[in-house]
Amino acid sequence: MSADKRQTDVVRRGYDALSYHYRTDDADEGRYAPWLADLRARLRPGASVLDVGCGCGVPVARSLADAGYAVTGVDFSEVQIERARHLVPGATFLRADATDVHFPAASFDAVVCLYALIHMPLDAQPRLLRNIADWLRPGGWLLATTGWTAWTGTAENWLGGPAAMWWSQEDAIIYRGWLRAAGLRITLQDFVPEGDSGHALFWARKPDDAAQLGL
């Protein structure tokens, strides 16, 4: 088994074991609330949205499905996906590795990827961002969190539970470069504090005019 496969298995097993500990069925939008409000303001009624690393569907898929959007969620945790299908029956959920999943070009008006990219192997992350750019329709939005500083490591007894968790992330400058290389235009970068550090929050858009790609 490759190192990447061993590490992503740690992530999958961690979320399988601690799904309910990580987020309860009735959790509110919390820190996601202003981000989701901003996304809703950017989308036309009935828009198609992909939630990458959707977890149990709460709060992103639930919020967007309740607002009338066509939501597809992808996650490789069996427990998370089963919960999502129960909690958000109005959305479609796929149990799959986001770095391997395929969608037709221009399938979505927006892609959301919150606290998921940082659990993926580094060499797969820029490829996924290029795929996301392909899946977006012209003018479509990406809302994503990434690392703020570079770090790779494992925490035992994650969230005080019986499972470990693994992260792998670059710093925000690297992610800016990857987003631009994917053909997305960054419209906003923000810092989201957490503990002694935090994450970068990006809003990026696929240009309407193909001639603008790379700007």
N, C-alpha and C. Protein backbone atom coordinates (compact mmCIF):
# COMPACT_ATOMS: atom_id res chain seq x y z
N MET A 1 0.85 -1.19 0.00
CA MET A 1 0.00 0.00 0.00
C MET A 1 0.89 1.25 0.00
N SER A 2 0.57 2.22 -0.86
CA SER A 2 1.37 3.44 -0.95
C SER A 2 1.19 4.28 0.30
N ALA A 3 2.13 5.22 0.50
CA ALA A 3 2.03 6.13 1.65
C ALA A 3 0.77 6.97 1.56
N ASP A 4 0.45 7.46 0.36
CA ASP A 4 -0.76 8.27 0.20
C ASP A 4 -2.01 7.48 0.56
N LYS A 5 -2.06 6.21 0.14
CA LYS A 5 -3.24 5.39 0.44
C LYS A 5 -3.34 5.12 1.93
N ARG A 6 -2.23 4.87 2.59
CA ARG A 6 -2.26 4.65 4.04
C ARG A 6 -2.75 5.90 4.75
N GLN A 7 -2.30 7.07 4.30
CA GLN A 7 -2.67 8.30 4.98
C GLN A 7 -4.15 8.65 4.76
N THR A 8 -4.63 8.48 3.53
CA THR A 8 -6.04 8.76 3.30
C THR A 8 -6.94 7.74 3.99
N ASP A 9 -6.46 6.52 4.18
CA ASP A 9 -7.22 5.54 4.96
C ASP A 9 -7.36 6.00 6.41
N VAL A 10 -6.34 6.66 6.94
CA VAL A 10 -6.43 7.22 8.29
C VAL A 10 -7.58 8.23 8.35
N VAL A 11 -7.67 9.07 7.32
CA VAL A 11 -8.74 10.08 7.28
C VAL A 11 -10.11 9.42 7.21
N ARG A 12 -10.25 8.46 6.31
CA ARG A 12 -11.54 7.78 6.15
C ARG A 12 -11.97 7.09 7.44
N ARG A 13 -11.02 6.34 8.04
CA ARG A 13 -11.36 5.64 9.29
C ARG A 13 -11.67 6.62 10.41
N GLY A 14 -10.97 7.75 10.42
CA GLY A 14 -11.22 8.74 11.45
C GLY A 14 -12.63 9.29 11.38
N TYR A 15 -13.07 9.63 10.16
CA TYR A 15 -14.43 10.17 10.02
C TYR A 15 -15.49 9.09 10.20
N ASP A 16 -15.19 7.86 9.80
CA ASP A 16 -16.13 6.77 10.07
C ASP A 16 -16.34 6.61 11.58
N ALA A 17 -15.25 6.67 12.34
CA ALA A 17 -15.32 6.42 13.78
C ALA A 17 -15.91 7.60 14.55
N LEU A 18 -15.66 8.82 14.07
CA LEU A 18 -15.99 10.01 14.87
C LEU A 18 -16.98 10.94 14.17
N SER A 19 -17.73 10.39 13.24
CA SER A 19 -18.68 11.21 12.49
C SER A 19 -19.63 11.99 13.41
N TYR A 20 -20.25 11.30 14.35
CA TYR A 20 -21.22 11.96 15.23
C TYR A 20 -20.54 12.90 16.21
N HIS A 21 -19.32 12.59 16.56
CA HIS A 21 -18.56 13.46 17.46
C HIS A 21 -18.16 14.75 16.74
N TYR A 22 -17.84 14.62 15.46
CA TYR A 22 -17.42 15.77 14.67
C TYR A 22 -18.58 16.74 14.44
N ARG A 23 -19.77 16.20 14.11
CA ARG A 23 -20.92 17.07 13.87
C ARG A 23 -22.20 16.31 14.15
N THR A 24 -23.06 16.90 14.99
CA THR A 24 -24.33 16.27 15.34
C THR A 24 -25.36 16.48 14.24
N ASP A 25 -26.42 15.69 14.28
CA ASP A 25 -27.48 15.80 13.28
C ASP A 25 -28.10 17.19 13.25
N ASP A 26 -28.23 17.82 14.41
CA ASP A 26 -28.93 19.09 14.50
C ASP A 26 -27.99 20.29 14.59
N ALA A 27 -26.74 20.11 14.18
CA ALA A 27 -25.78 21.22 14.24
C ALA A 27 -26.25 22.38 13.36
N ASP A 28 -26.03 23.60 13.83
CA ASP A 28 -26.40 24.76 13.02
C ASP A 28 -25.25 25.13 12.08
N GLU A 29 -25.41 26.21 11.34
CA GLU A 29 -24.41 26.58 10.34
C GLU A 29 -23.13 27.14 10.97
N GLY A 30 -23.21 27.65 12.18
CA GLY A 30 -22.03 28.13 12.88
C GLY A 30 -21.21 29.09 12.03
N ARG A 31 -19.90 28.86 11.97
CA ARG A 31 -19.02 29.77 11.22
C ARG A 31 -19.29 29.73 9.72
N TYR A 32 -19.98 28.68 9.26
CA TYR A 32 -20.29 28.57 7.84
C TYR A 32 -21.38 29.55 7.41
N ALA A 33 -22.17 30.07 8.34
CA ALA A 33 -23.36 30.84 8.00
C ALA A 33 -23.09 32.00 7.06
N PRO A 34 -22.13 32.89 7.34
CA PRO A 34 -21.92 34.01 6.40
C PRO A 34 -21.39 33.56 5.05
N TRP A 35 -20.60 32.47 5.03
CA TRP A 35 -20.08 31.97 3.75
C TRP A 35 -21.23 31.44 2.89
N LEU A 36 -22.14 30.69 3.52
CA LEU A 36 -23.26 30.14 2.77
C LEU A 36 -24.23 31.23 2.31
N ALA A 37 -24.40 32.24 3.15
CA ALA A 37 -25.25 33.38 2.75
C ALA A 37 -24.64 34.08 1.54
N ASP A 38 -23.33 34.28 1.55
CA ASP A 38 -22.66 34.91 0.41
C ASP A 38 -22.78 34.05 -0.85
N LEU A 39 -22.68 32.72 -0.68
CA LEU A 39 -22.81 31.84 -1.84
C LEU A 39 -24.22 31.90 -2.41
N ARG A 40 -25.21 31.85 -1.54
CA ARG A 40 -26.59 31.93 -2.02
C ARG A 40 -26.83 33.23 -2.79
N ALA A 41 -26.22 34.32 -2.33
CA ALA A 41 -26.39 35.62 -3.00
C ALA A 41 -25.75 35.64 -4.39
N ARG A 42 -24.79 34.76 -4.62
CA ARG A 42 -24.09 34.71 -5.90
C ARG A 42 -24.76 33.78 -6.92
N LEU A 43 -25.69 32.94 -6.48
CA LEU A 43 -26.23 31.90 -7.34
C LEU A 43 -27.64 32.23 -7.82
N ARG A 44 -27.93 31.78 -9.04
CA ARG A 44 -29.29 31.89 -9.57
C ARG A 44 -30.18 30.85 -8.89
N PRO A 45 -31.48 31.04 -8.86
CA PRO A 45 -32.38 30.04 -8.29
C PRO A 45 -32.21 28.69 -8.98
N GLY A 46 -32.18 27.63 -8.19
CA GLY A 46 -32.07 26.29 -8.73
C GLY A 46 -30.71 25.90 -9.24
N ALA A 47 -29.69 26.69 -8.92
CA ALA A 47 -28.33 26.41 -9.41
C ALA A 47 -27.84 25.05 -8.93
N SER A 48 -26.87 24.50 -9.66
CA SER A 48 -26.29 23.20 -9.35
C SER A 48 -25.00 23.39 -8.58
N VAL A 49 -24.88 22.73 -7.41
CA VAL A 49 -23.74 22.92 -6.52
C VAL A 49 -23.15 21.57 -6.14
N LEU A 50 -21.81 21.49 -6.19
CA LEU A 50 -21.09 20.30 -5.75
C LEU A 50 -20.43 20.59 -4.41
N ASP A 51 -20.66 19.72 -3.44
CA ASP A 51 -20.04 19.82 -2.11
C ASP A 51 -18.97 18.74 -2.00
N VAL A 52 -17.70 19.14 -2.11
CA VAL A 52 -16.57 18.21 -2.08
C VAL A 52 -16.15 17.99 -0.63
N GLY A 53 -16.16 16.73 -0.19
CA GLY A 53 -15.91 16.45 1.22
C GLY A 53 -17.13 16.85 2.03
N CYS A 54 -18.29 16.38 1.60
CA CYS A 54 -19.57 16.85 2.14
C CYS A 54 -19.84 16.37 3.56
N GLY A 55 -19.10 15.35 4.03
CA GLY A 55 -19.36 14.84 5.37
C GLY A 55 -20.78 14.32 5.50
N CYS A 56 -21.40 14.63 6.61
CA CYS A 56 -22.76 14.14 6.88
C CYS A 56 -23.83 15.01 6.23
N GLY A 57 -23.43 15.97 5.41
CA GLY A 57 -24.39 16.84 4.73
C GLY A 57 -24.79 18.06 5.50
N VAL A 58 -24.32 18.16 6.75
CA VAL A 58 -24.65 19.29 7.62
C VAL A 58 -23.37 20.07 7.88
N PRO A 59 -23.37 21.39 7.66
CA PRO A 59 -24.53 22.20 7.28
C PRO A 59 -24.63 22.54 5.80
N VAL A 60 -23.58 22.29 4.98
CA VAL A 60 -23.54 22.86 3.63
C VAL A 60 -24.65 22.31 2.75
N ALA A 61 -24.67 20.99 2.53
CA ALA A 61 -25.66 20.42 1.62
C ALA A 61 -27.08 20.69 2.10
N ARG A 62 -27.30 20.58 3.41
CA ARG A 62 -28.64 20.82 3.95
C ARG A 62 -29.09 22.25 3.68
N SER A 63 -28.22 23.22 3.96
CA SER A 63 -28.56 24.62 3.77
C SER A 63 -28.89 24.92 2.31
N LEU A 64 -28.06 24.41 1.41
CA LEU A 64 -28.26 24.72 -0.01
C LEU A 64 -29.45 23.97 -0.59
N ALA A 65 -29.65 22.71 -0.18
CA ALA A 65 -30.81 21.96 -0.66
C ALA A 65 -32.10 22.60 -0.16
N ASP A 66 -32.11 23.04 1.10
CA ASP A 66 -33.29 23.69 1.65
C ASP A 66 -33.61 24.99 0.92
N ALA A 67 -32.57 25.62 0.34
CA ALA A 67 -32.77 26.86 -0.40
C ALA A 67 -33.15 26.62 -1.86
N GLY A 68 -33.30 25.35 -2.25
CA GLY A 68 -33.78 25.04 -3.57
C GLY A 68 -32.73 24.76 -4.61
N TYR A 69 -31.47 24.62 -4.19
CA TYR A 69 -30.40 24.33 -5.14
C TYR A 69 -30.29 22.82 -5.38
N ALA A 70 -29.78 22.45 -6.54
CA ALA A 70 -29.54 21.04 -6.87
C ALA A 70 -28.16 20.68 -6.36
N VAL A 71 -28.10 19.93 -5.27
CA VAL A 71 -26.85 19.67 -4.56
C VAL A 71 -26.38 18.24 -4.78
N THR A 72 -25.10 18.11 -5.10
CA THR A 72 -24.43 16.81 -5.15
C THR A 72 -23.30 16.84 -4.14
N GLY A 73 -23.22 15.83 -3.28
CA GLY A 73 -22.16 15.75 -2.29
C GLY A 73 -21.29 14.54 -2.55
N VAL A 74 -19.99 14.70 -2.30
CA VAL A 74 -19.03 13.61 -2.47
C VAL A 74 -18.21 13.46 -1.20
N ASP A 75 -18.09 12.25 -0.69
CA ASP A 75 -17.26 11.97 0.47
C ASP A 75 -16.89 10.49 0.45
N PHE A 76 -15.72 10.14 0.98
CA PHE A 76 -15.33 8.72 0.94
C PHE A 76 -15.57 7.99 2.23
N SER A 77 -16.16 8.65 3.22
CA SER A 77 -16.53 7.99 4.47
C SER A 77 -17.92 7.38 4.33
N GLU A 78 -18.00 6.07 4.51
CA GLU A 78 -19.29 5.39 4.40
C GLU A 78 -20.28 5.90 5.44
N VAL A 79 -19.80 6.12 6.66
CA VAL A 79 -20.68 6.60 7.72
C VAL A 79 -21.20 7.99 7.39
N GLN A 80 -20.32 8.86 6.95
CA GLN A 80 -20.73 10.23 6.62
C GLN A 80 -21.76 10.24 5.49
N ILE A 81 -21.53 9.47 4.46
CA ILE A 81 -22.45 9.47 3.33
C ILE A 81 -23.81 8.90 3.72
N GLU A 82 -23.83 7.84 4.52
CA GLU A 82 -25.11 7.28 4.95
C GLU A 82 -25.88 8.29 5.79
N ARG A 83 -25.18 9.00 6.66
CA ARG A 83 -25.86 10.05 7.43
C ARG A 83 -26.38 11.15 6.51
N ALA A 84 -25.56 11.56 5.53
CA ALA A 84 -25.97 12.63 4.62
C ALA A 84 -27.24 12.25 3.86
N ARG A 85 -27.31 11.02 3.40
CA ARG A 85 -28.50 10.58 2.65
C ARG A 85 -29.75 10.61 3.52
N HIS A 86 -29.57 10.35 4.80
CA HIS A 86 -30.70 10.40 5.74
C HIS A 86 -31.05 11.83 6.11
N LEU A 87 -30.04 12.66 6.36
CA LEU A 87 -30.27 14.01 6.86
C LEU A 87 -30.69 14.99 5.76
N VAL A 88 -30.25 14.74 4.52
CA VAL A 88 -30.55 15.67 3.42
C VAL A 88 -31.10 14.87 2.24
N PRO A 89 -32.33 14.39 2.36
CA PRO A 89 -32.88 13.53 1.30
C PRO A 89 -33.08 14.26 -0.03
N GLY A 90 -33.06 15.59 0.01
CA GLY A 90 -33.25 16.35 -1.22
C GLY A 90 -31.99 16.53 -2.04
N ALA A 91 -30.87 15.99 -1.60
CA ALA A 91 -29.61 16.09 -2.34
C ALA A 91 -29.17 14.70 -2.80
N THR A 92 -28.19 14.69 -3.68
CA THR A 92 -27.61 13.45 -4.19
C THR A 92 -26.22 13.28 -3.60
N PHE A 93 -25.92 12.09 -3.07
CA PHE A 93 -24.62 11.86 -2.42
C PHE A 93 -23.92 10.66 -3.04
N LEU A 94 -22.63 10.84 -3.30
CA LEU A 94 -21.79 9.80 -3.87
C LEU A 94 -20.70 9.44 -2.88
N ARG A 95 -20.55 8.15 -2.60
CA ARG A 95 -19.41 7.72 -1.80
C ARG A 95 -18.26 7.48 -2.75
N ALA A 96 -17.28 8.38 -2.72
CA ALA A 96 -16.16 8.32 -3.66
C ALA A 96 -15.03 9.18 -3.14
N ASP A 97 -13.83 8.88 -3.61
CA ASP A 97 -12.66 9.71 -3.33
C ASP A 97 -12.72 10.90 -4.27
N ALA A 98 -12.75 12.10 -3.72
CA ALA A 98 -12.89 13.30 -4.55
C ALA A 98 -11.75 13.46 -5.54
N THR A 99 -10.59 12.88 -5.24
CA THR A 99 -9.46 13.00 -6.16
C THR A 99 -9.57 12.05 -7.34
N ASP A 100 -10.53 11.13 -7.28
CA ASP A 100 -10.72 10.16 -8.38
C ASP A 100 -12.07 10.31 -9.08
N VAL A 101 -12.99 11.05 -8.51
CA VAL A 101 -14.34 11.13 -9.06
C VAL A 101 -14.33 11.92 -10.37
N HIS A 102 -15.30 11.63 -11.24
CA HIS A 102 -15.38 12.30 -12.55
C HIS A 102 -16.78 12.87 -12.76
N PHE A 103 -16.83 14.10 -13.27
CA PHE A 103 -18.07 14.73 -13.69
C PHE A 103 -17.84 15.35 -15.07
N PRO A 104 -18.90 15.48 -15.86
CA PRO A 104 -18.74 16.16 -17.15
C PRO A 104 -18.33 17.62 -16.95
N ALA A 105 -17.65 18.16 -17.94
CA ALA A 105 -17.27 19.57 -17.90
C ALA A 105 -18.51 20.44 -17.79
N ALA A 106 -18.35 21.56 -17.10
CA ALA A 106 -19.42 22.57 -16.96
C ALA A 106 -20.69 21.99 -16.33
N SER A 107 -20.52 21.16 -15.31
CA SER A 107 -21.66 20.52 -14.64
C SER A 107 -22.27 21.37 -13.52
N PHE A 108 -21.48 22.29 -12.94
CA PHE A 108 -21.90 22.95 -11.72
C PHE A 108 -21.74 24.47 -11.80
N ASP A 109 -22.67 25.14 -11.13
CA ASP A 109 -22.58 26.60 -10.99
C ASP A 109 -21.67 27.00 -9.84
N ALA A 110 -21.45 26.11 -8.89
CA ALA A 110 -20.56 26.38 -7.76
C ALA A 110 -20.04 25.07 -7.20
N VAL A 111 -18.85 25.15 -6.64
CA VAL A 111 -18.26 24.03 -5.91
C VAL A 111 -17.84 24.54 -4.54
N VAL A 112 -18.19 23.80 -3.51
CA VAL A 112 -17.81 24.11 -2.13
C VAL A 112 -16.87 23.02 -1.65
N CYS A 113 -15.75 23.43 -1.04
CA CYS A 113 -14.77 22.46 -0.54
C CYS A 113 -14.21 23.01 0.77
N LEU A 114 -14.90 22.73 1.86
CA LEU A 114 -14.56 23.30 3.17
C LEU A 114 -13.93 22.24 4.07
N TYR A 115 -12.71 22.51 4.51
CA TYR A 115 -11.97 21.64 5.45
C TYR A 115 -11.82 20.22 4.90
N ALA A 116 -11.70 20.08 3.59
CA ALA A 116 -11.55 18.78 2.97
C ALA A 116 -10.24 18.66 2.21
N LEU A 117 -9.87 19.69 1.49
CA LEU A 117 -8.65 19.64 0.68
C LEU A 117 -7.43 19.29 1.53
N ILE A 118 -7.41 19.75 2.76
CA ILE A 118 -6.25 19.57 3.64
C ILE A 118 -6.12 18.14 4.16
N HIS A 119 -7.08 17.28 3.84
CA HIS A 119 -6.98 15.86 4.19
C HIS A 119 -6.57 15.00 2.99
N MET A 120 -6.18 15.65 1.90
CA MET A 120 -5.83 14.92 0.68
C MET A 120 -4.32 14.99 0.44
N PRO A 121 -3.75 14.00 -0.24
CA PRO A 121 -2.32 14.05 -0.54
C PRO A 121 -1.97 15.32 -1.31
N LEU A 122 -0.82 15.89 -1.00
CA LEU A 122 -0.43 17.16 -1.62
C LEU A 122 -0.39 17.07 -3.14
N ASP A 123 0.12 15.96 -3.68
CA ASP A 123 0.25 15.89 -5.13
C ASP A 123 -1.11 15.77 -5.83
N ALA A 124 -2.15 15.41 -5.08
CA ALA A 124 -3.48 15.30 -5.65
C ALA A 124 -4.25 16.63 -5.60
N GLN A 125 -3.83 17.53 -4.73
CA GLN A 125 -4.60 18.75 -4.53
C GLN A 125 -4.63 19.67 -5.75
N PRO A 126 -3.50 19.99 -6.39
CA PRO A 126 -3.60 20.85 -7.58
C PRO A 126 -4.39 20.18 -8.71
N ARG A 127 -4.29 18.86 -8.83
CA ARG A 127 -5.07 18.15 -9.85
C ARG A 127 -6.57 18.28 -9.57
N LEU A 128 -6.95 18.17 -8.31
CA LEU A 128 -8.36 18.33 -7.96
C LEU A 128 -8.83 19.75 -8.27
N LEU A 129 -8.02 20.74 -7.98
CA LEU A 129 -8.41 22.12 -8.29
C LEU A 129 -8.58 22.32 -9.80
N ARG A 130 -7.74 21.69 -10.59
CA ARG A 130 -7.92 21.77 -12.05
C ARG A 130 -9.22 21.08 -12.47
N ASN A 131 -9.53 19.94 -11.83
CA ASN A 131 -10.79 19.26 -12.13
C ASN A 131 -11.98 20.14 -11.76
N ILE A 132 -11.90 20.77 -10.60
CA ILE A 132 -12.99 21.64 -10.16
C ILE A 132 -13.22 22.76 -11.17
N ALA A 133 -12.13 23.36 -11.65
CA ALA A 133 -12.26 24.42 -12.66
C ALA A 133 -12.96 23.90 -13.91
N ASP A 134 -12.67 22.65 -14.28
CA ASP A 134 -13.31 22.05 -15.45
C ASP A 134 -14.79 21.78 -15.18
N TRP A 135 -15.11 21.35 -13.97
CA TRP A 135 -16.51 21.05 -13.64
C TRP A 135 -17.37 22.30 -13.54
N LEU A 136 -16.76 23.46 -13.29
CA LEU A 136 -17.52 24.69 -13.15
C LEU A 136 -17.96 25.22 -14.51
N ARG A 137 -19.16 25.77 -14.55
CA ARG A 137 -19.60 26.50 -15.72
C ARG A 137 -18.91 27.86 -15.77
N PRO A 138 -18.79 28.47 -16.94
CA PRO A 138 -18.23 29.83 -16.99
C PRO A 138 -18.98 30.76 -16.05
N GLY A 139 -18.24 31.50 -15.25
CA GLY A 139 -18.85 32.37 -14.24
C GLY A 139 -19.12 31.68 -12.92
N GLY A 140 -18.84 30.36 -12.85
CA GLY A 140 -19.12 29.60 -11.63
C GLY A 140 -18.13 29.92 -10.52
N TRP A 141 -18.55 29.61 -9.30
CA TRP A 141 -17.80 29.98 -8.09
C TRP A 141 -17.22 28.76 -7.38
N LEU A 142 -16.02 28.94 -6.84
CA LEU A 142 -15.44 28.00 -5.89
C LEU A 142 -15.32 28.69 -4.54
N LEU A 143 -15.85 28.06 -3.51
CA LEU A 143 -15.67 28.48 -2.12
C LEU A 143 -14.89 27.38 -1.43
N ALA A 144 -13.68 27.70 -0.96
CA ALA A 144 -12.81 26.65 -0.42
C ALA A 144 -11.99 27.17 0.75
N THR A 145 -11.71 26.27 1.69
CA THR A 145 -10.72 26.53 2.73
C THR A 145 -9.49 25.70 2.42
N THR A 146 -8.32 26.26 2.74
CA THR A 146 -7.05 25.59 2.52
C THR A 146 -6.18 25.80 3.75
N GLY A 147 -4.97 25.29 3.69
CA GLY A 147 -4.02 25.61 4.74
C GLY A 147 -3.61 27.07 4.69
N TRP A 148 -3.25 27.62 5.84
CA TRP A 148 -2.67 28.96 5.91
C TRP A 148 -1.15 28.86 5.95
N THR A 149 -0.67 27.89 6.70
CA THR A 149 0.76 27.57 6.72
C THR A 149 0.93 26.11 6.32
N ALA A 150 2.11 25.79 5.82
CA ALA A 150 2.38 24.42 5.38
C ALA A 150 2.58 23.51 6.58
N TRP A 151 1.94 22.34 6.53
CA TRP A 151 2.10 21.37 7.61
C TRP A 151 1.54 20.03 7.16
N THR A 152 2.23 18.97 7.52
CA THR A 152 1.74 17.62 7.31
C THR A 152 1.97 16.81 8.58
N GLY A 153 0.96 16.11 9.03
CA GLY A 153 1.13 15.33 10.25
C GLY A 153 -0.13 14.59 10.65
N THR A 154 0.00 13.81 11.71
CA THR A 154 -1.07 12.98 12.22
C THR A 154 -1.31 13.30 13.69
N ALA A 155 -2.56 13.31 14.10
CA ALA A 155 -2.92 13.47 15.51
C ALA A 155 -3.59 12.18 15.98
N GLU A 156 -3.07 11.61 17.04
CA GLU A 156 -3.72 10.43 17.63
C GLU A 156 -4.89 10.88 18.51
N ASN A 157 -5.85 9.99 18.71
CA ASN A 157 -7.01 10.29 19.57
C ASN A 157 -7.64 11.63 19.19
N TRP A 158 -7.89 11.77 17.88
CA TRP A 158 -8.48 13.00 17.35
C TRP A 158 -9.82 13.29 18.02
N LEU A 159 -10.02 14.55 18.38
CA LEU A 159 -11.25 15.01 19.05
C LEU A 159 -11.51 14.24 20.34
N GLY A 160 -10.45 13.68 20.94
CA GLY A 160 -10.60 12.93 22.18
C GLY A 160 -11.19 11.54 21.99
N GLY A 161 -11.27 11.09 20.73
CA GLY A 161 -11.87 9.79 20.45
C GLY A 161 -10.84 8.71 20.20
N PRO A 162 -11.28 7.57 19.69
CA PRO A 162 -10.40 6.40 19.55
C PRO A 162 -9.64 6.34 18.23
N ALA A 163 -9.80 7.34 17.36
CA ALA A 163 -9.19 7.27 16.03
C ALA A 163 -8.19 8.40 15.82
N ALA A 164 -7.30 8.19 14.86
CA ALA A 164 -6.32 9.22 14.49
C ALA A 164 -6.86 10.04 13.31
N MET A 165 -6.18 11.16 13.03
CA MET A 165 -6.51 11.97 11.86
C MET A 165 -5.23 12.46 11.23
N TRP A 166 -5.27 12.67 9.90
CA TRP A 166 -4.09 13.07 9.13
C TRP A 166 -4.40 14.29 8.30
N TRP A 167 -3.44 15.21 8.21
CA TRP A 167 -3.57 16.42 7.41
C TRP A 167 -2.33 16.57 6.52
N SER A 168 -2.52 17.25 5.40
CA SER A 168 -1.39 17.59 4.54
C SER A 168 -1.75 18.87 3.79
N GLN A 169 -1.03 19.93 4.06
CA GLN A 169 -1.40 21.22 3.48
C GLN A 169 -0.17 22.06 3.16
N GLU A 170 -0.33 22.89 2.13
CA GLU A 170 0.66 23.91 1.80
C GLU A 170 0.22 25.23 2.41
N ASP A 171 1.03 26.29 2.20
CA ASP A 171 0.63 27.59 2.72
C ASP A 171 -0.27 28.32 1.72
N ALA A 172 -0.85 29.41 2.16
CA ALA A 172 -1.84 30.12 1.34
C ALA A 172 -1.25 30.64 0.04
N ILE A 173 0.03 30.99 0.03
CA ILE A 173 0.65 31.49 -1.20
C ILE A 173 0.68 30.39 -2.26
N ILE A 174 1.01 29.17 -1.85
CA ILE A 174 1.00 28.04 -2.79
C ILE A 174 -0.40 27.80 -3.32
N TYR A 175 -1.39 27.84 -2.45
CA TYR A 175 -2.76 27.62 -2.91
C TYR A 175 -3.20 28.71 -3.88
N ARG A 176 -2.80 29.93 -3.67
CA ARG A 176 -3.12 31.00 -4.63
C ARG A 176 -2.56 30.64 -6.00
N GLY A 177 -1.33 30.15 -6.02
CA GLY A 177 -0.74 29.76 -7.29
C GLY A 177 -1.47 28.61 -7.94
N TRP A 178 -1.87 27.62 -7.15
CA TRP A 178 -2.59 26.48 -7.70
C TRP A 178 -3.95 26.90 -8.26
N LEU A 179 -4.65 27.78 -7.57
CA LEU A 179 -5.95 28.25 -8.05
C LEU A 179 -5.79 28.99 -9.38
N ARG A 180 -4.80 29.85 -9.44
CA ARG A 180 -4.58 30.59 -10.68
C ARG A 180 -4.16 29.66 -11.82
N ALA A 181 -3.30 28.68 -11.50
CA ALA A 181 -2.87 27.74 -12.53
C ALA A 181 -4.04 26.90 -13.04
N ALA A 182 -5.05 26.71 -12.21
CA ALA A 182 -6.25 25.97 -12.63
C ALA A 182 -7.16 26.81 -13.52
N GLY A 183 -6.85 28.10 -13.66
CA GLY A 183 -7.66 28.98 -14.49
C GLY A 183 -8.75 29.70 -13.75
N LEU A 184 -8.64 29.78 -12.42
CA LEU A 184 -9.64 30.45 -11.60
C LEU A 184 -9.12 31.82 -11.18
N ARG A 185 -10.01 32.78 -11.10
CA ARG A 185 -9.67 34.14 -10.68
C ARG A 185 -10.05 34.32 -9.22
N ILE A 186 -9.09 34.58 -8.38
CA ILE A 186 -9.33 34.75 -6.95
C ILE A 186 -9.94 36.13 -6.72
N THR A 187 -11.11 36.15 -6.09
CA THR A 187 -11.77 37.42 -5.81
C THR A 187 -11.63 37.83 -4.35
N LEU A 188 -11.36 36.86 -3.47
CA LEU A 188 -11.21 37.17 -2.05
C LEU A 188 -10.38 36.08 -1.38
N GLN A 189 -9.45 36.51 -0.51
CA GLN A 189 -8.75 35.60 0.38
C GLN A 189 -8.88 36.14 1.79
N ASP A 190 -9.23 35.29 2.73
CA ASP A 190 -9.42 35.70 4.11
C ASP A 190 -8.73 34.68 5.02
N PHE A 191 -8.51 35.09 6.26
CA PHE A 191 -7.92 34.20 7.26
C PHE A 191 -9.01 33.79 8.24
N VAL A 192 -9.12 32.48 8.47
CA VAL A 192 -10.10 31.93 9.41
C VAL A 192 -9.32 31.36 10.60
N PRO A 193 -9.32 32.03 11.74
CA PRO A 193 -8.52 31.53 12.86
C PRO A 193 -9.07 30.24 13.43
N GLU A 194 -8.15 29.40 13.90
CA GLU A 194 -8.51 28.17 14.61
C GLU A 194 -7.34 27.77 15.49
N GLY A 195 -7.56 27.72 16.79
CA GLY A 195 -6.50 27.38 17.73
C GLY A 195 -5.36 28.36 17.62
N ASP A 196 -4.14 27.83 17.52
CA ASP A 196 -2.96 28.68 17.43
C ASP A 196 -2.66 29.14 16.01
N SER A 197 -3.43 28.67 15.04
CA SER A 197 -3.18 29.05 13.66
C SER A 197 -4.52 29.29 12.97
N GLY A 198 -4.73 28.70 11.82
CA GLY A 198 -6.00 28.88 11.13
C GLY A 198 -5.91 28.40 9.70
N HIS A 199 -6.89 28.78 8.89
CA HIS A 199 -6.99 28.36 7.50
C HIS A 199 -7.19 29.57 6.61
N ALA A 200 -6.91 29.39 5.34
CA ALA A 200 -7.23 30.41 4.34
C ALA A 200 -8.60 30.09 3.74
N LEU A 201 -9.39 31.12 3.55
CA LEU A 201 -10.68 31.00 2.88
C LEU A 201 -10.57 31.71 1.54
N PHE A 202 -10.90 31.00 0.47
CA PHE A 202 -10.82 31.57 -0.87
C PHE A 202 -12.19 31.58 -1.54
N TRP A 203 -12.48 32.70 -2.18
CA TRP A 203 -13.52 32.77 -3.19
C TRP A 203 -12.81 32.91 -4.53
N ALA A 204 -13.12 32.03 -5.47
CA ALA A 204 -12.50 32.09 -6.79
C ALA A 204 -13.57 31.82 -7.84
N ARG A 205 -13.37 32.40 -9.03
CA ARG A 205 -14.40 32.31 -10.07
C ARG A 205 -13.80 31.87 -11.39
N LYS A 206 -14.54 31.06 -12.11
CA LYS A 206 -14.15 30.70 -13.46
C LYS A 206 -14.58 31.82 -14.41
N PRO A 207 -13.66 32.42 -15.12
CA PRO A 207 -14.02 33.55 -15.98
C PRO A 207 -15.09 33.18 -17.01
N ASP A 208 -15.92 34.17 -17.34
CA ASP A 208 -16.92 33.96 -18.37
C ASP A 208 -16.28 33.88 -19.75
N ASP A 209 -15.24 34.69 -19.94
CA ASP A 209 -14.58 34.76 -21.23
C ASP A 209 -13.34 33.88 -21.19
N ALA A 210 -13.27 32.85 -22.04
CA ALA A 210 -12.13 31.94 -22.03
C ALA A 210 -10.81 32.67 -22.27
N ALA A 211 -10.85 33.82 -22.90
CA ALA A 211 -9.62 34.56 -23.15
C ALA A 211 -9.02 35.10 -21.88
N GLN A 212 -9.82 35.16 -20.80
CA GLN A 212 -9.31 35.70 -19.54
C GLN A 212 -8.64 34.65 -18.67
N LEU A 213 -8.70 33.40 -19.07
CA LEU A 213 -8.13 32.34 -18.24
C LEU A 213 -6.65 32.61 -17.97
N GLY A 214 -6.26 32.42 -16.73
CA GLY A 214 -4.89 32.63 -16.33
C GLY A 214 -4.62 34.01 -15.79
N LEU A 215 -5.57 34.95 -15.93
CA LEU A 215 -5.36 36.30 -15.39
C LEU A 215 -5.50 36.30 -13.88
